[in-house]
Protein backbone atom coordinates (compact mmCIF):
# COMPACT_ATOMS: atom_id res chain seq x y z
CA UNK A 1 25.22 53.45 35.91
CA UNK A 2 28.76 53.81 35.23
CA UNK A 3 28.80 56.83 34.05
CA UNK A 4 27.00 57.55 37.05
CA UNK A 5 29.73 56.88 39.57
CA UNK A 6 32.21 58.21 37.20
CA UNK A 7 30.22 61.48 37.50
CA UNK A 8 30.26 61.42 41.21
CA UNK A 9 34.40 60.81 41.44
CA UNK A 10 34.87 63.44 38.96
CA UNK A 11 32.87 65.82 41.45
CA UNK A 12 34.60 64.56 44.35
CA UNK A 13 37.85 64.85 42.67
CA UNK A 14 36.57 68.69 42.19
CA UNK A 15 35.37 69.61 45.36
CA UNK A 16 38.92 68.33 46.67
CA UNK A 17 40.57 70.46 43.75
CA UNK A 18 39.01 73.87 44.84
CA UNK A 19 39.14 73.27 48.80
CA UNK A 20 42.49 73.14 47.88
CA UNK A 21 42.58 75.63 45.98
CA UNK A 22 40.89 77.65 47.91
CA UNK A 23 43.27 76.83 51.11
CA UNK A 24 46.58 77.77 48.66
CA UNK A 25 44.45 81.21 48.30
CA UNK A 26 44.18 82.21 51.56
CA UNK A 27 47.88 80.49 52.59
CA UNK A 28 48.94 83.10 49.99
CA UNK A 29 46.99 85.96 51.40
CA UNK A 30 48.81 84.77 54.88
CA UNK A 31 51.82 84.94 53.36
CA UNK A 32 50.63 88.45 52.01
CA UNK A 33 49.52 89.96 55.39
CA UNK A 34 53.18 88.79 56.82
CA UNK A 35 54.95 90.92 54.86
CA UNK A 36 53.43 94.00 56.08
CA UNK A 37 54.63 93.21 59.30
CA UNK A 38 51.93 91.24 61.21
CA UNK A 39 52.15 87.46 62.40
CA UNK A 40 50.73 84.42 59.89
CA UNK A 41 47.21 86.46 59.92
CA UNK A 42 44.35 83.80 59.14
CA UNK A 43 40.85 84.58 57.42
CA UNK A 44 38.15 83.25 59.59
CA UNK A 45 36.48 81.05 56.42
CA UNK A 46 39.66 79.35 57.86
CA UNK A 47 38.23 78.50 61.20
CA UNK A 48 35.19 76.21 62.17
CA UNK A 49 34.54 76.68 66.46
CA UNK A 50 34.62 73.95 68.16
CA UNK A 51 33.36 72.94 71.96
CA UNK A 52 34.47 75.66 74.50
CA UNK A 53 37.78 74.10 77.07
CA UNK A 54 37.87 76.59 79.99
CA UNK A 55 36.37 80.29 80.01
CA UNK A 56 39.05 83.01 81.58
CA UNK A 57 37.55 86.54 83.42
CA UNK A 58 39.77 89.39 83.33
CA UNK A 59 39.08 92.68 84.11
CA UNK A 60 39.50 94.28 80.04
CA UNK A 61 38.49 90.53 78.14
CA UNK A 62 37.25 87.08 78.93
CA UNK A 63 39.71 84.86 76.98
CA UNK A 64 37.75 81.45 75.83
CA UNK A 65 39.88 78.42 75.01
CA UNK A 66 38.07 76.11 72.52
CA UNK A 67 38.95 73.18 70.52
CA UNK A 68 38.69 73.97 66.66
CA UNK A 69 39.52 73.03 63.11
CA UNK A 70 41.71 75.66 60.80
CA UNK A 71 41.68 74.31 56.42
CA UNK A 72 44.56 73.05 54.99
CA UNK A 73 46.08 73.24 51.90
CA UNK A 74 44.52 69.69 50.39
CA UNK A 75 40.88 70.96 51.87
CA UNK A 76 40.78 69.00 55.00
CA UNK A 77 40.44 69.76 58.32
CA UNK A 78 42.98 70.10 61.18
CA UNK A 79 42.52 69.88 64.40
CA UNK A 80 43.38 73.46 66.34
CA UNK A 81 42.95 74.32 70.04
CA UNK A 82 41.60 78.22 69.52
CA UNK A 83 42.35 81.03 72.02
CA UNK A 84 39.85 84.05 71.58
CA UNK A 85 40.19 86.98 73.34
CA UNK A 86 36.87 88.69 73.49
CA UNK A 87 36.80 92.61 74.83
CA UNK A 88 34.63 93.59 77.07
CA UNK A 89 31.61 96.22 76.19
CA UNK A 90 32.84 98.73 78.70
CA UNK A 91 35.70 98.57 77.78
CA UNK A 92 36.05 101.26 75.06
CA UNK A 93 40.63 101.48 74.78
CA UNK A 94 40.82 98.23 72.50
CA UNK A 95 44.33 98.98 72.36
CA UNK A 96 44.61 98.40 76.35
CA UNK A 97 41.83 95.79 76.62
CA UNK A 98 43.84 93.58 73.87
CA UNK A 99 46.89 94.55 75.27
CA UNK A 100 47.77 90.90 76.78
CA UNK A 101 46.64 89.20 73.15
CA UNK A 102 49.87 91.50 71.44
CA UNK A 103 52.02 90.59 74.40
CA UNK A 104 51.30 86.59 73.91
CA UNK A 105 51.71 86.80 69.35
CA UNK A 106 54.83 88.76 70.17
CA UNK A 107 56.20 86.61 73.08
CA UNK A 108 54.72 82.75 71.11
CA UNK A 109 56.77 84.03 67.92
CA UNK A 110 59.92 82.96 69.10
CA UNK A 111 59.18 79.72 70.51
CA UNK A 112 60.23 77.12 68.15
CA UNK A 113 61.17 74.07 70.61
CA UNK A 114 59.42 70.72 70.76
CA UNK A 115 57.54 71.24 74.19
CA UNK A 116 55.69 73.99 72.92
CA UNK A 117 52.73 74.18 71.18
CA UNK A 118 53.67 75.80 68.22
CA UNK A 119 51.19 79.25 67.26
CA UNK A 120 49.95 78.65 63.47
CA UNK A 121 48.56 81.99 62.76
CA UNK A 122 46.14 84.93 64.30
CA UNK A 123 42.86 85.66 63.13
CA UNK A 124 40.49 88.93 63.99
CA UNK A 125 36.87 89.80 64.08
CA UNK A 126 35.72 92.75 61.27
CA UNK A 127 35.56 95.46 64.19
CA UNK A 128 38.98 94.05 66.04
CA UNK A 129 37.41 93.65 69.39
CA UNK A 130 37.97 89.83 69.21
CA UNK A 131 40.91 88.43 68.72
CA UNK A 132 42.60 85.32 68.03
CA UNK A 133 45.57 83.19 68.65
CA UNK A 134 45.08 79.58 66.47
CA UNK A 135 47.46 76.78 68.48
CA UNK A 136 48.75 72.95 66.73
CA UNK A 137 46.82 70.33 68.39
CA UNK A 138 47.00 66.53 68.40
CA UNK A 139 47.72 66.20 72.11
CA UNK A 140 46.33 64.10 75.18
CA UNK A 141 46.18 64.64 78.46
CA UNK A 142 49.23 63.61 80.74
CA UNK A 143 47.26 63.14 84.15
CA UNK A 144 44.73 60.80 81.96
CA UNK A 145 47.92 59.01 80.11
CA UNK A 146 49.75 58.10 83.56
CA UNK A 147 46.80 57.38 85.52
CA UNK A 148 46.39 54.12 82.72
CA UNK A 149 49.62 53.25 83.71
CA UNK A 150 50.79 50.35 86.66
CA UNK A 151 54.10 49.37 88.59
CA UNK A 152 57.43 50.89 87.74
CA UNK A 153 55.71 51.89 84.30
CA UNK A 154 53.62 54.81 86.82
CA UNK A 155 56.97 56.49 88.38
CA UNK A 156 58.68 56.03 85.42
CA UNK A 157 56.53 57.86 83.16
CA UNK A 158 55.73 60.68 85.20
CA UNK A 159 59.56 61.31 86.38
CA UNK A 160 60.25 61.35 82.63
CA UNK A 161 57.65 64.09 82.03
CA UNK A 162 58.87 65.88 85.31
CA UNK A 163 62.21 66.19 83.91
CA UNK A 164 60.37 67.27 80.27
CA UNK A 165 58.96 69.93 82.36
CA UNK A 166 62.28 71.28 83.08
CA UNK A 167 63.53 71.23 79.19
CA UNK A 168 60.24 73.02 78.55
CA UNK A 169 60.50 75.48 81.68
CA UNK A 170 64.23 76.16 81.21
CA UNK A 171 63.67 77.11 77.57
CA UNK A 172 60.35 79.60 78.18
CA UNK A 173 62.77 81.05 80.90
CA UNK A 174 65.46 81.81 78.95
CA UNK A 175 63.36 83.78 76.95
CA UNK A 176 62.12 84.95 79.61
CA UNK A 177 58.64 83.70 79.92
CA UNK A 178 56.71 81.19 81.71
CA UNK A 179 53.56 79.08 81.70
CA UNK A 180 50.80 77.99 84.50
CA UNK A 181 47.88 75.95 83.97
CA UNK A 182 46.16 72.73 85.69
CA UNK A 183 46.01 69.42 86.10
CA UNK A 184 43.67 69.01 83.06
CA UNK A 185 46.11 71.92 80.76
CA UNK A 186 49.19 69.55 81.52
CA UNK A 187 49.40 67.77 77.36
CA UNK A 188 51.51 65.66 75.92
CA UNK A 189 52.00 64.72 71.78
CA UNK A 190 49.28 61.65 70.75
CA UNK A 191 52.56 59.66 68.78
CA UNK A 192 55.33 60.23 71.04
CA UNK A 193 54.08 61.09 74.26
CA UNK A 194 56.38 63.71 75.15
CA UNK A 195 55.30 66.91 76.94
CA UNK A 196 53.96 69.59 74.74
CA UNK A 197 52.42 72.74 76.96
CA UNK A 198 50.91 76.14 75.60
CA UNK A 199 48.02 75.25 73.56
CA UNK A 200 46.20 75.57 77.45
CA UNK A 201 46.84 77.41 80.17
CA UNK A 202 47.80 81.19 80.25
CA UNK A 203 51.79 82.23 78.78
CA UNK A 204 53.29 85.57 80.24
CA UNK A 205 56.48 87.11 81.39
CA UNK A 206 56.65 86.34 84.70
CA UNK A 207 60.16 84.01 83.90
CA UNK A 208 60.98 84.69 87.85
CA UNK A 209 58.62 82.62 88.88
CA UNK A 210 59.09 79.70 86.84
CA UNK A 211 60.77 77.75 89.60
CA UNK A 212 57.61 77.49 92.13
CA UNK A 213 55.42 76.99 88.94
CA UNK A 214 57.07 74.33 87.18
CA UNK A 215 56.85 72.85 90.91
CA UNK A 216 53.15 73.52 90.86
CA UNK A 217 52.78 71.99 87.70
CA UNK A 218 53.93 68.45 88.85
CA UNK A 219 52.01 68.09 91.70
CA UNK A 220 48.84 69.09 89.90
CA UNK A 221 49.59 66.10 87.52
CA UNK A 222 50.41 64.06 90.10
CA UNK A 223 47.42 64.83 92.30
CA UNK A 224 45.10 65.42 89.70
CA UNK A 225 43.84 68.44 91.12
CA UNK A 226 44.78 72.64 91.04
CA UNK A 227 45.68 72.91 94.32
CA UNK A 228 47.62 76.54 93.91
CA UNK A 229 51.60 76.93 94.80
CA UNK A 230 54.72 75.49 95.22
CA UNK A 231 57.28 75.56 97.45
CA UNK A 232 60.33 78.38 97.71
CA UNK A 233 62.90 76.41 96.44
CA UNK A 234 64.60 77.79 93.03
CA UNK A 235 64.41 76.58 89.72
CA UNK A 236 67.77 74.81 89.27
CA UNK A 237 66.86 72.95 92.97
CA UNK A 238 63.79 71.81 91.60
CA UNK A 239 65.37 70.27 88.60
CA UNK A 240 68.39 68.58 89.77
CA UNK A 241 65.38 66.83 91.96
CA UNK A 242 63.31 66.15 89.32
CA UNK A 243 66.37 64.21 87.70
CA UNK A 244 67.70 62.54 91.15
CA UNK A 245 64.08 61.30 91.06
CA UNK A 246 63.95 60.01 87.50
CA UNK A 247 67.55 58.60 88.09
CA UNK A 248 66.53 56.66 91.68
CA UNK A 249 63.32 54.63 89.97
CA UNK A 250 65.39 54.07 86.26
CA UNK A 251 68.08 52.65 88.39
CA UNK A 252 65.87 50.30 90.36
CA UNK A 253 63.94 49.02 87.30
CA UNK A 254 67.41 48.14 85.34
CA UNK A 255 69.28 46.84 88.33
CA UNK A 256 67.21 45.07 91.72
CA UNK A 257 70.35 46.25 94.17
CA UNK A 258 70.39 47.53 97.49
CA UNK A 259 72.30 50.32 97.12
CA UNK A 260 69.44 51.23 94.42
CA UNK A 261 66.41 50.25 97.02
CA UNK A 262 68.08 52.74 99.45
CA UNK A 263 67.88 55.54 96.41
CA UNK A 264 64.27 54.18 95.42
CA UNK A 265 62.58 54.49 99.05
CA UNK A 266 64.36 57.89 99.70
CA UNK A 267 61.85 59.43 97.17
CA UNK A 268 58.38 57.32 97.60
CA UNK A 269 56.62 60.17 98.86
CA UNK A 270 56.62 61.45 95.27
CA UNK A 271 54.50 59.09 94.27
CA UNK A 272 52.45 58.67 96.67
CA UNK A 273 50.26 62.15 95.76
CA UNK A 274 47.95 63.77 98.51
CA UNK A 275 45.70 61.54 100.16
CA UNK A 276 43.08 63.40 101.67
CA UNK A 277 42.37 66.87 103.66
CA UNK A 278 39.63 67.32 106.27
CA UNK A 279 38.47 69.85 108.83
CA UNK A 280 40.39 70.00 112.11
CA UNK A 281 38.49 69.67 115.34
CA UNK A 282 39.01 69.27 118.71
CA UNK A 283 39.56 65.60 118.46
CA UNK A 284 41.48 65.79 115.31
CA UNK A 285 44.76 63.28 115.42
CA UNK A 286 48.48 65.00 115.93
CA UNK A 287 50.46 65.17 113.21
CA UNK A 288 52.88 62.14 112.67
CA UNK A 289 50.04 59.41 113.93
CA UNK A 290 49.35 56.53 112.26
CA UNK A 291 46.12 54.79 112.17
CA UNK A 292 42.63 54.38 110.15
CA UNK A 293 39.52 56.49 109.87
CA UNK A 294 36.30 55.16 110.11
CA UNK A 295 33.89 57.80 108.88
CA UNK A 296 34.89 60.56 111.48
CA UNK A 297 36.04 58.50 113.75
CA UNK A 298 40.21 58.06 113.77
CA UNK A 299 41.54 55.08 115.15
CA UNK A 300 45.09 55.55 116.33
CA UNK A 301 47.70 52.47 116.27
CA UNK A 302 49.63 52.89 119.78
CA UNK A 303 53.24 52.77 118.41
CA UNK A 304 55.98 52.76 120.82
CA UNK A 305 59.46 54.23 118.99
CA UNK A 306 61.85 57.35 120.00
CA UNK A 307 61.06 58.55 115.83
CA UNK A 308 60.49 62.57 115.82
CA UNK A 309 57.13 63.03 114.52
CA UNK A 310 56.82 66.43 113.48
CA UNK A 311 58.42 69.60 113.03
CA UNK A 312 57.99 73.23 114.66
CA UNK A 313 54.99 75.11 112.61
CA UNK A 314 55.66 77.11 109.89
CA UNK A 315 54.08 80.17 107.17
CA UNK A 316 54.82 79.60 103.84
CA UNK A 317 57.05 82.06 102.66
CA UNK A 318 55.22 82.56 99.33
CA UNK A 319 51.38 83.28 99.95
CA UNK A 320 49.10 83.58 97.33
CA UNK A 321 47.10 86.61 96.24
CA UNK A 322 43.67 86.66 94.03
CA UNK A 323 43.68 87.87 90.77
CA UNK A 324 41.53 87.88 87.68
CA UNK A 325 40.15 84.44 89.18
CA UNK A 326 43.17 82.89 90.13
CA UNK A 327 45.78 83.08 92.94
CA UNK A 328 49.02 83.79 92.22
CA UNK A 329 52.07 83.25 94.48
CA UNK A 330 53.55 86.20 95.46
CA UNK A 331 57.00 86.54 97.81
CA UNK A 332 57.61 87.05 101.18
CA UNK A 333 60.22 88.33 103.42
CA UNK A 334 60.48 87.94 107.21
CA UNK A 335 60.97 90.98 108.76
CA UNK A 336 61.13 91.72 113.17
CA UNK A 337 59.47 88.41 113.52
CA UNK A 338 56.78 88.88 110.83
CA UNK A 339 56.05 87.36 107.44
CA UNK A 340 55.58 90.24 104.92
CA UNK A 341 53.52 90.61 101.82
CA UNK A 342 53.57 93.79 99.54
CA UNK A 343 51.30 94.76 96.43
CA UNK A 344 49.18 97.11 95.11
CA UNK A 345 46.18 98.43 94.96
CA UNK A 346 43.67 100.90 93.24
CA UNK A 347 40.52 102.76 94.46
CA UNK A 348 37.63 100.20 94.67
CA UNK A 349 39.58 97.42 94.41
CA UNK A 350 39.74 94.12 96.95
CA UNK A 351 43.27 92.62 97.37
CA UNK A 352 42.73 88.44 98.95
CA UNK A 353 46.02 87.21 100.41
CA UNK A 354 46.16 83.79 101.68
CA UNK A 355 48.62 82.74 104.40
CA UNK A 356 49.26 79.25 104.94
CA UNK A 357 50.74 78.06 108.32
CA UNK A 358 51.86 74.12 108.13
CA UNK A 359 52.76 71.67 111.08
CA UNK A 360 54.75 68.98 108.56
CA UNK A 361 55.05 65.98 109.68
CA UNK A 362 59.14 64.76 109.62
CA UNK A 363 60.81 62.85 107.10
CA UNK A 364 61.60 60.53 109.83
CA UNK A 365 58.03 59.19 110.43
CA UNK A 366 57.06 58.92 107.01
CA UNK A 367 59.88 56.79 106.30
CA UNK A 368 58.53 54.56 109.14
CA UNK A 369 55.18 54.79 108.13
CA UNK A 370 56.30 53.19 104.91
CA UNK A 371 58.66 50.86 106.31
CA UNK A 372 55.98 49.29 108.50
CA UNK A 373 52.70 49.59 106.72
CA UNK A 374 52.33 46.49 104.92
CA UNK A 375 53.33 44.26 108.31
CA UNK A 376 50.91 47.12 110.30
CA UNK A 377 47.95 46.01 108.05
CA UNK A 378 48.40 42.08 108.50
CA UNK A 379 48.35 42.94 112.62
CA UNK A 380 45.57 45.48 112.37
CA UNK A 381 43.58 43.70 110.35
CA UNK A 382 43.09 46.51 107.78
CA UNK A 383 43.47 46.99 104.28
CA UNK A 384 46.62 48.52 103.59
CA UNK A 385 45.63 51.46 101.43
CA UNK A 386 43.30 52.05 105.02
CA UNK A 387 46.12 52.90 107.45
CA UNK A 388 47.19 56.75 107.24
CA UNK A 389 49.69 59.01 108.36
CA UNK A 390 49.20 62.59 109.71
CA UNK A 391 51.07 64.86 107.69
CA UNK A 392 50.29 68.30 108.10
CA UNK A 393 47.86 70.65 110.48
CA UNK A 394 47.11 73.11 108.21
CA UNK A 395 45.59 76.87 108.99
CA UNK A 396 44.13 79.01 105.78
CA UNK A 397 43.90 82.37 106.66
CA UNK A 398 43.01 84.38 103.91
CA UNK A 399 42.66 88.61 104.59
CA UNK A 400 41.04 90.52 102.59
CA UNK A 401 41.24 94.57 102.12
CA UNK A 402 39.36 96.54 100.10
CA UNK A 403 39.77 100.55 99.79
CA UNK A 404 38.18 103.98 98.61
CA UNK A 405 41.95 105.84 98.62
CA UNK A 406 41.92 107.39 95.13
CA UNK A 407 45.55 107.08 94.54
CA UNK A 408 47.45 103.66 93.45
CA UNK A 409 49.51 102.67 96.78
CA UNK A 410 51.52 100.10 97.65
CA UNK A 411 50.14 97.95 100.93
CA UNK A 412 51.54 95.44 103.56
CA UNK A 413 50.43 93.02 104.68
CA UNK A 414 52.01 91.27 108.00
CA UNK A 415 51.54 87.57 109.21
CA UNK A 416 52.16 87.68 113.19
CA UNK A 417 54.25 84.41 113.46
CA UNK A 418 52.52 81.26 114.59
CA UNK A 419 52.06 80.08 118.10
CA UNK A 420 54.21 77.21 119.49
CA UNK A 421 51.03 74.61 119.46
CA UNK A 422 50.89 76.08 115.35
CA UNK A 423 47.61 78.00 116.10
CA UNK A 424 47.70 81.47 114.83
CA UNK A 425 47.02 85.03 116.64
CA UNK A 426 43.13 86.56 116.02
CA UNK A 427 43.65 87.87 113.84
CA UNK A 428 46.04 86.37 111.90
CA UNK A 429 48.32 89.98 110.54
CA UNK A 430 47.67 93.75 110.35
CA UNK A 431 47.71 95.54 106.56
CA UNK A 432 49.78 98.72 106.64
CA UNK A 433 51.01 101.58 104.08
CA UNK A 434 54.48 101.07 105.75
CA UNK A 435 57.29 98.31 104.69
CA UNK A 436 58.18 98.29 108.45
CA UNK A 437 55.48 96.53 111.43
CA UNK A 438 56.20 99.31 114.04
CA UNK A 439 54.25 102.49 112.96
CA UNK A 440 51.07 101.42 114.05
CA UNK A 441 50.26 105.14 112.79
CA UNK A 442 50.70 103.67 109.41
CA UNK A 443 48.38 100.40 109.81
CA UNK A 444 45.19 100.52 107.87
CA UNK A 445 42.10 100.94 110.71
CA UNK A 446 38.37 99.88 110.09
CA UNK A 447 37.53 103.10 109.33
CA UNK A 448 40.12 104.11 106.21
CA UNK A 449 39.21 100.54 104.76
CA UNK A 450 37.11 97.29 104.61
CA UNK A 451 39.30 94.72 106.54
CA UNK A 452 38.28 91.23 106.77
CA UNK A 453 40.05 88.14 107.88
CA UNK A 454 38.77 84.05 107.95
CA UNK A 455 40.78 81.35 109.48
CA UNK A 456 39.89 77.65 108.81
CA UNK A 457 42.27 74.81 109.88
CA UNK A 458 42.79 71.47 107.67
CA UNK A 459 43.93 68.05 108.83
CA UNK A 460 46.10 66.30 106.05
CA UNK A 461 46.41 62.54 105.88
CA UNK A 462 49.03 60.93 103.54
CA UNK A 463 48.33 56.85 102.50
CA UNK A 464 50.64 54.03 100.73
CA UNK A 465 48.16 54.60 97.55
CA UNK A 466 48.14 52.07 94.81
CA UNK A 467 51.35 54.25 93.19
CA UNK A 468 53.07 53.40 96.00
CA UNK A 469 51.92 49.82 97.06
CA UNK A 470 53.96 48.09 94.10
CA UNK A 471 57.07 49.44 94.93
CA UNK A 472 56.61 48.92 98.87
CA UNK A 473 56.05 45.50 97.31
CA UNK A 474 58.84 44.91 95.00
CA UNK A 475 60.70 46.56 97.68
CA UNK A 476 59.62 43.74 99.96
CA UNK A 477 60.07 40.61 97.81
CA UNK A 478 63.43 41.51 97.07
CA UNK A 479 64.30 41.50 101.06
CA UNK A 480 65.28 45.38 101.17
CA UNK A 481 61.92 46.77 102.65
CA UNK A 482 63.13 48.65 106.22
CA UNK A 483 60.76 46.61 108.34
CA UNK A 484 60.54 47.69 112.30
CA UNK A 485 60.38 44.60 114.62
CA UNK A 486 56.83 43.74 115.82
CA UNK A 487 55.42 43.11 119.20
CA UNK A 488 52.43 42.80 120.64
CA UNK A 489 50.37 41.55 123.60
CA UNK A 490 47.56 38.51 122.99
CA UNK A 491 45.09 40.73 124.32
CA UNK A 492 45.41 43.52 121.75
CA UNK A 493 44.71 43.65 117.88
CA UNK A 494 47.04 46.49 117.38
CA UNK A 495 50.86 46.33 117.10
CA UNK A 496 53.54 48.29 118.94
CA UNK A 497 56.92 48.85 117.44
CA UNK A 498 60.14 49.93 119.11
CA UNK A 499 63.48 49.19 117.94
CA UNK A 500 65.80 46.90 119.09
CA UNK A 501 67.27 48.32 121.57
CA UNK A 502 67.21 51.94 123.50
CA UNK A 503 70.57 53.19 121.98
CA UNK A 504 69.74 52.27 118.52
CA UNK A 505 66.46 53.75 119.07
CA UNK A 506 68.38 56.92 120.25
CA UNK A 507 70.56 56.78 117.75
CA UNK A 508 68.12 56.98 114.86
CA UNK A 509 66.86 60.07 116.47
CA UNK A 510 69.52 61.27 115.97
CA UNK A 511 70.90 60.01 112.47
CA UNK A 512 67.79 60.45 110.83
CA UNK A 513 67.99 64.26 110.23
CA UNK A 514 68.79 64.17 106.74
CA UNK A 515 66.25 63.06 104.22
CA UNK A 516 67.78 62.49 100.99
CA UNK A 517 70.79 60.69 101.55
CA UNK A 518 70.12 58.95 104.86
CA UNK A 519 69.67 55.73 103.41
CA UNK A 520 71.59 52.95 105.22
CA UNK A 521 71.93 55.06 108.59
CA UNK A 522 67.92 54.22 108.47
CA UNK A 523 68.43 50.57 106.84
CA UNK A 524 70.31 49.93 109.83
CA UNK A 525 67.84 50.10 112.56
CA UNK A 526 65.80 47.80 110.81
CA UNK A 527 65.54 43.83 110.41
CA UNK A 528 65.36 42.95 107.38
CA UNK A 529 62.10 39.94 108.14
CA UNK A 530 59.59 40.43 110.34
CA UNK A 531 60.66 39.44 113.45
CA UNK A 532 56.75 39.08 115.91
CA UNK A 533 56.45 37.83 119.47
CA UNK A 534 54.02 38.09 122.73
CA UNK A 535 54.24 39.31 125.06
């Protein structure tokens, strides 16, 4: 029996040694390959294929992102991410078909940063029509991680990760690169919980887009969806805002003072996330209304106040173009009252551009909502999280163009300005070969191109969700939540809200024009304790 067990132990040790020698041999081969100008070439025998994570369809190739395992020096298997580029059968030119692979390898070779997934090597099929980039794994989903946090832990960790976005994107920007991915592709290192992007998602050289991409990534992490696009702010503007958000929640966590309460209250919307969108109908509520919904029925709370409700409708100057299976932001300009976007189109190609007209609620009514929601819920008799603020009215306009012109041409899409009531013209815009809107002979007509438009209206609601509620309750428990005076009649279950005097109301309308640093002015028009009376 002893001899038998000893034999098994010896056999296991020999197996480990053989595997280690094989891995060492493969590593030496890899090092030899690198000496002849290739970047970390790996043998296919080192790799095991796992479950597919994502599949991206491109014009010349298919990108498959998969879990995998790689043989290491001790004969064990290390978890990795495989980025597999497969040329499509109809593509004959191998160089053009794998151009994106070459660019990504070249780009990744110079990226050595703690917030960026490290490239371990590349591998190729015998024909060379399939190539892989092997990237380190050992990561967890950032979204799943923050969902398990509660109380102040959530805003503290969320704002920390946002600031790591800045460090990661700044490093990429300095190397003339950028990253874009869905909310499930935002990863953290398993041990330190630091941001580690690049294993999933897309790497490219669109470094000029880093500002809106960084904001988009933070919104996707917060909302848990892949809604496309960020704002039009620059990289540095977003970086500064992220840092101020983190500073506000950190100060409140360290010391519960009135000044720190003001700062925290100013940034509450950062953690509210998106509530929901519904299709707009004739009976949809107006921007700035507060109420609750039961099915498709909206119950408004009849409030009396002087706080401005909505801003004028406006186009997002950055529209989106459908390319290779995803919406890409494209920057627009204002010209002669129109919003204009330009793009190139080839024969047989279809271009889709999406523009969005938004009627936003004001920052003042949002602050008003957060200050009153705890009290309103008690008066109305509904759950706090059921009360909603109508945050936006949104018109999504899709314009598509297909042309039979044999030459690649630059075309321009012009969107008519939105109407004062928030509606858009029918059609919402036009296509032209001229960069100027006034040359009607350059407009694309139906006989020269296939032109289609589709407009769909939505209503966006915002609520005090389970991320905001603990912060509001924390502010309230310390006497720093700006609560309006509540007055209601004995016949009505609803609340009426008004400022202490009409003069104060008028002053509040004027004073509440700046969002970020209006804290003391805003707090001054509310009592710190509830005042309830019957009429």
